[in-house]
N, C-alpha and C. Protein backbone atom coordinates (compact mmCIF):
# COMPACT_ATOMS: atom_id res chain seq x y z
N MET A 1 -39.41 18.98 18.27
CA MET A 1 -38.93 19.76 17.15
C MET A 1 -40.09 20.42 16.42
N GLU A 2 -41.10 19.62 16.15
CA GLU A 2 -42.27 20.16 15.45
C GLU A 2 -42.98 21.20 16.31
N GLN A 3 -43.03 20.95 17.61
CA GLN A 3 -43.68 21.90 18.52
C GLN A 3 -42.95 23.25 18.49
N THR A 4 -41.64 23.23 18.44
CA THR A 4 -40.86 24.46 18.37
C THR A 4 -41.20 25.25 17.11
N TYR A 5 -41.37 24.54 16.00
CA TYR A 5 -41.72 25.20 14.74
C TYR A 5 -43.06 25.93 14.87
N TRP A 6 -44.08 25.23 15.39
CA TRP A 6 -45.41 25.84 15.49
C TRP A 6 -45.43 26.99 16.48
N LEU A 7 -44.67 26.88 17.55
CA LEU A 7 -44.61 27.99 18.50
C LEU A 7 -43.92 29.21 17.88
N GLY A 8 -42.94 28.96 17.04
CA GLY A 8 -42.29 30.06 16.32
C GLY A 8 -43.25 30.74 15.36
N ARG A 9 -44.06 29.94 14.67
CA ARG A 9 -45.07 30.50 13.76
C ARG A 9 -46.10 31.31 14.54
N LYS A 10 -46.46 30.81 15.73
CA LYS A 10 -47.43 31.54 16.57
C LYS A 10 -46.87 32.90 16.96
N ARG A 11 -45.60 32.92 17.40
CA ARG A 11 -44.97 34.19 17.78
C ARG A 11 -44.91 35.16 16.61
N ALA A 12 -44.61 34.65 15.44
CA ALA A 12 -44.54 35.50 14.24
C ALA A 12 -45.92 36.07 13.91
N SER A 13 -46.96 35.26 14.07
CA SER A 13 -48.32 35.74 13.79
C SER A 13 -48.75 36.79 14.81
N LEU A 14 -48.38 36.60 16.06
CA LEU A 14 -48.73 37.59 17.08
C LEU A 14 -48.02 38.91 16.82
N LYS A 15 -46.77 38.83 16.37
CA LYS A 15 -46.04 40.05 16.02
C LYS A 15 -46.69 40.72 14.82
N SER A 16 -47.08 39.92 13.83
CA SER A 16 -47.75 40.48 12.65
C SER A 16 -49.08 41.12 13.03
N ALA A 17 -49.78 40.52 13.99
CA ALA A 17 -51.04 41.09 14.44
C ALA A 17 -50.81 42.43 15.13
N ALA A 18 -49.75 42.51 15.90
CA ALA A 18 -49.44 43.78 16.58
C ALA A 18 -49.05 44.87 15.58
N ASP A 19 -48.41 44.46 14.49
CA ASP A 19 -47.96 45.43 13.48
C ASP A 19 -49.00 45.69 12.39
N ALA A 20 -50.13 44.99 12.43
CA ALA A 20 -51.13 45.10 11.36
C ALA A 20 -51.76 46.49 11.34
N ALA A 21 -52.04 46.96 10.13
CA ALA A 21 -52.61 48.30 9.96
C ALA A 21 -54.12 48.31 10.17
N SER A 22 -54.78 47.23 9.76
CA SER A 22 -56.25 47.22 9.87
C SER A 22 -56.70 46.18 10.89
N SER A 23 -57.92 46.36 11.35
CA SER A 23 -58.46 45.41 12.33
C SER A 23 -58.71 44.05 11.68
N GLU A 24 -59.03 44.05 10.39
CA GLU A 24 -59.26 42.79 9.69
C GLU A 24 -57.96 41.97 9.60
N ALA A 25 -56.87 42.64 9.27
CA ALA A 25 -55.57 41.95 9.21
C ALA A 25 -55.17 41.45 10.59
N ARG A 26 -55.42 42.26 11.62
CA ARG A 26 -55.10 41.86 12.99
C ARG A 26 -55.89 40.61 13.36
N LEU A 27 -57.18 40.58 13.01
CA LEU A 27 -58.03 39.43 13.32
C LEU A 27 -57.51 38.17 12.62
N ILE A 28 -57.10 38.30 11.38
CA ILE A 28 -56.58 37.15 10.64
C ILE A 28 -55.31 36.61 11.29
N HIS A 29 -54.42 37.50 11.69
CA HIS A 29 -53.17 37.06 12.33
C HIS A 29 -53.43 36.43 13.70
N PHE A 30 -54.38 36.97 14.46
CA PHE A 30 -54.74 36.35 15.74
C PHE A 30 -55.35 34.97 15.51
N ASP A 31 -56.16 34.83 14.47
CA ASP A 31 -56.75 33.53 14.14
C ASP A 31 -55.66 32.52 13.80
N LEU A 32 -54.70 32.95 12.98
CA LEU A 32 -53.59 32.06 12.64
C LEU A 32 -52.78 31.68 13.88
N ALA A 33 -52.55 32.64 14.76
CA ALA A 33 -51.80 32.35 15.99
C ALA A 33 -52.52 31.30 16.83
N GLY A 34 -53.84 31.39 16.89
CA GLY A 34 -54.61 30.39 17.62
C GLY A 34 -54.50 29.01 17.00
N ARG A 35 -54.53 28.97 15.68
CA ARG A 35 -54.40 27.68 14.98
C ARG A 35 -53.02 27.09 15.20
N TYR A 36 -52.00 27.95 15.17
CA TYR A 36 -50.63 27.47 15.40
C TYR A 36 -50.46 26.96 16.83
N SER A 37 -51.16 27.59 17.76
CA SER A 37 -51.10 27.16 19.15
C SER A 37 -51.67 25.75 19.29
N VAL A 38 -52.79 25.50 18.61
CA VAL A 38 -53.40 24.17 18.64
C VAL A 38 -52.46 23.15 18.00
N LYS A 39 -51.84 23.52 16.90
CA LYS A 39 -50.89 22.62 16.23
C LYS A 39 -49.72 22.28 17.16
N ALA A 40 -49.23 23.27 17.89
CA ALA A 40 -48.11 23.03 18.82
C ALA A 40 -48.54 22.09 19.94
N ALA A 41 -49.76 22.26 20.43
CA ALA A 41 -50.25 21.40 21.51
C ALA A 41 -50.39 19.96 21.03
N THR A 42 -50.92 19.76 19.83
CA THR A 42 -51.07 18.39 19.33
C THR A 42 -49.71 17.78 18.99
N ALA A 43 -48.77 18.60 18.56
CA ALA A 43 -47.42 18.08 18.26
C ALA A 43 -46.76 17.58 19.52
N SER A 44 -46.96 18.26 20.64
CA SER A 44 -46.34 17.81 21.88
C SER A 44 -47.00 16.54 22.39
N LEU A 45 -48.29 16.36 22.12
CA LEU A 45 -48.97 15.14 22.54
C LEU A 45 -48.55 13.94 21.70
N ARG A 46 -48.28 14.19 20.41
CA ARG A 46 -47.90 13.10 19.52
C ARG A 46 -46.43 12.74 19.63
N ALA A 47 -45.64 13.60 20.22
CA ALA A 47 -44.20 13.34 20.33
C ALA A 47 -43.97 12.13 21.22
N VAL A 48 -43.18 11.21 20.73
CA VAL A 48 -42.88 9.99 21.47
C VAL A 48 -41.44 10.09 21.96
N ASP A 49 -41.26 9.77 23.22
CA ASP A 49 -39.91 9.77 23.76
C ASP A 49 -39.10 8.69 23.05
N LEU A 50 -37.91 9.04 22.62
CA LEU A 50 -37.09 8.11 21.86
C LEU A 50 -36.80 6.84 22.63
N VAL A 51 -36.59 6.94 23.92
CA VAL A 51 -36.29 5.76 24.73
C VAL A 51 -37.47 4.79 24.72
N ASP A 52 -38.69 5.32 24.76
CA ASP A 52 -39.86 4.46 24.76
C ASP A 52 -40.10 3.80 23.40
N SER A 53 -39.59 4.41 22.33
CA SER A 53 -39.85 3.87 21.00
C SER A 53 -38.82 2.84 20.55
N LEU A 54 -37.70 2.72 21.26
CA LEU A 54 -36.67 1.77 20.88
C LEU A 54 -36.98 0.38 21.43
N PRO A 55 -36.53 -0.67 20.73
CA PRO A 55 -36.71 -2.02 21.27
C PRO A 55 -35.79 -2.23 22.47
N PRO A 56 -36.07 -3.23 23.29
CA PRO A 56 -35.23 -3.47 24.46
C PRO A 56 -33.80 -3.85 24.03
N PRO A 57 -32.81 -3.51 24.84
CA PRO A 57 -31.42 -3.82 24.47
C PRO A 57 -31.14 -5.32 24.53
N ILE A 58 -30.17 -5.74 23.73
CA ILE A 58 -29.73 -7.14 23.74
C ILE A 58 -28.33 -7.15 24.33
N PHE A 59 -28.16 -7.89 25.41
CA PHE A 59 -26.87 -7.97 26.08
C PHE A 59 -26.20 -9.29 25.71
N ALA A 60 -24.94 -9.22 25.34
CA ALA A 60 -24.17 -10.42 25.03
C ALA A 60 -23.75 -11.08 26.34
N ILE A 61 -23.89 -12.38 26.39
CA ILE A 61 -23.47 -13.13 27.58
C ILE A 61 -22.17 -13.84 27.23
N MET A 62 -21.11 -13.54 27.99
CA MET A 62 -19.82 -14.17 27.72
C MET A 62 -19.81 -15.58 28.28
N PRO A 63 -19.16 -16.48 27.57
CA PRO A 63 -19.02 -17.84 28.12
C PRO A 63 -18.25 -17.82 29.44
N ARG A 64 -18.47 -18.77 30.28
CA ARG A 64 -17.88 -18.81 31.61
C ARG A 64 -16.35 -18.81 31.55
N ALA A 65 -15.77 -19.55 30.63
CA ALA A 65 -14.30 -19.65 30.53
C ALA A 65 -13.70 -18.30 30.16
N ALA A 66 -14.30 -17.60 29.25
CA ALA A 66 -13.78 -16.29 28.83
C ALA A 66 -13.90 -15.29 29.96
N ALA A 67 -14.93 -15.40 30.76
CA ALA A 67 -15.12 -14.47 31.87
C ALA A 67 -14.05 -14.67 32.94
N THR A 68 -13.69 -15.90 33.23
CA THR A 68 -12.68 -16.15 34.27
C THR A 68 -11.29 -15.77 33.79
N GLU A 69 -11.00 -15.94 32.49
CA GLU A 69 -9.69 -15.56 31.96
C GLU A 69 -9.49 -14.05 32.04
N SER A 70 -10.52 -13.28 31.74
CA SER A 70 -10.38 -11.83 31.77
C SER A 70 -10.30 -11.31 33.21
N ASP A 71 -10.88 -12.03 34.16
CA ASP A 71 -10.81 -11.62 35.56
C ASP A 71 -9.41 -11.83 36.13
N ASP A 72 -8.68 -12.84 35.63
CA ASP A 72 -7.34 -13.14 36.13
C ASP A 72 -6.31 -12.12 35.67
N ALA A 73 -6.56 -11.45 34.58
CA ALA A 73 -5.57 -10.53 34.01
C ALA A 73 -5.40 -9.27 34.78
């Protein structure tokens, strides 16, 4: 999610650089785009897969008598 945000900011800066009237403004927008690119790269490295961050599941074990009664039905 965070990576998407920074990539969007990068695209906006590149568009602003293309639309800039002066070379100084263009340089500033290209610099910002580069910084946003680095931010996006670090955000993707820090992103943790949700499955890896959750604790292991706990499975309920049914008593033997309850298991045989439900199998007969």
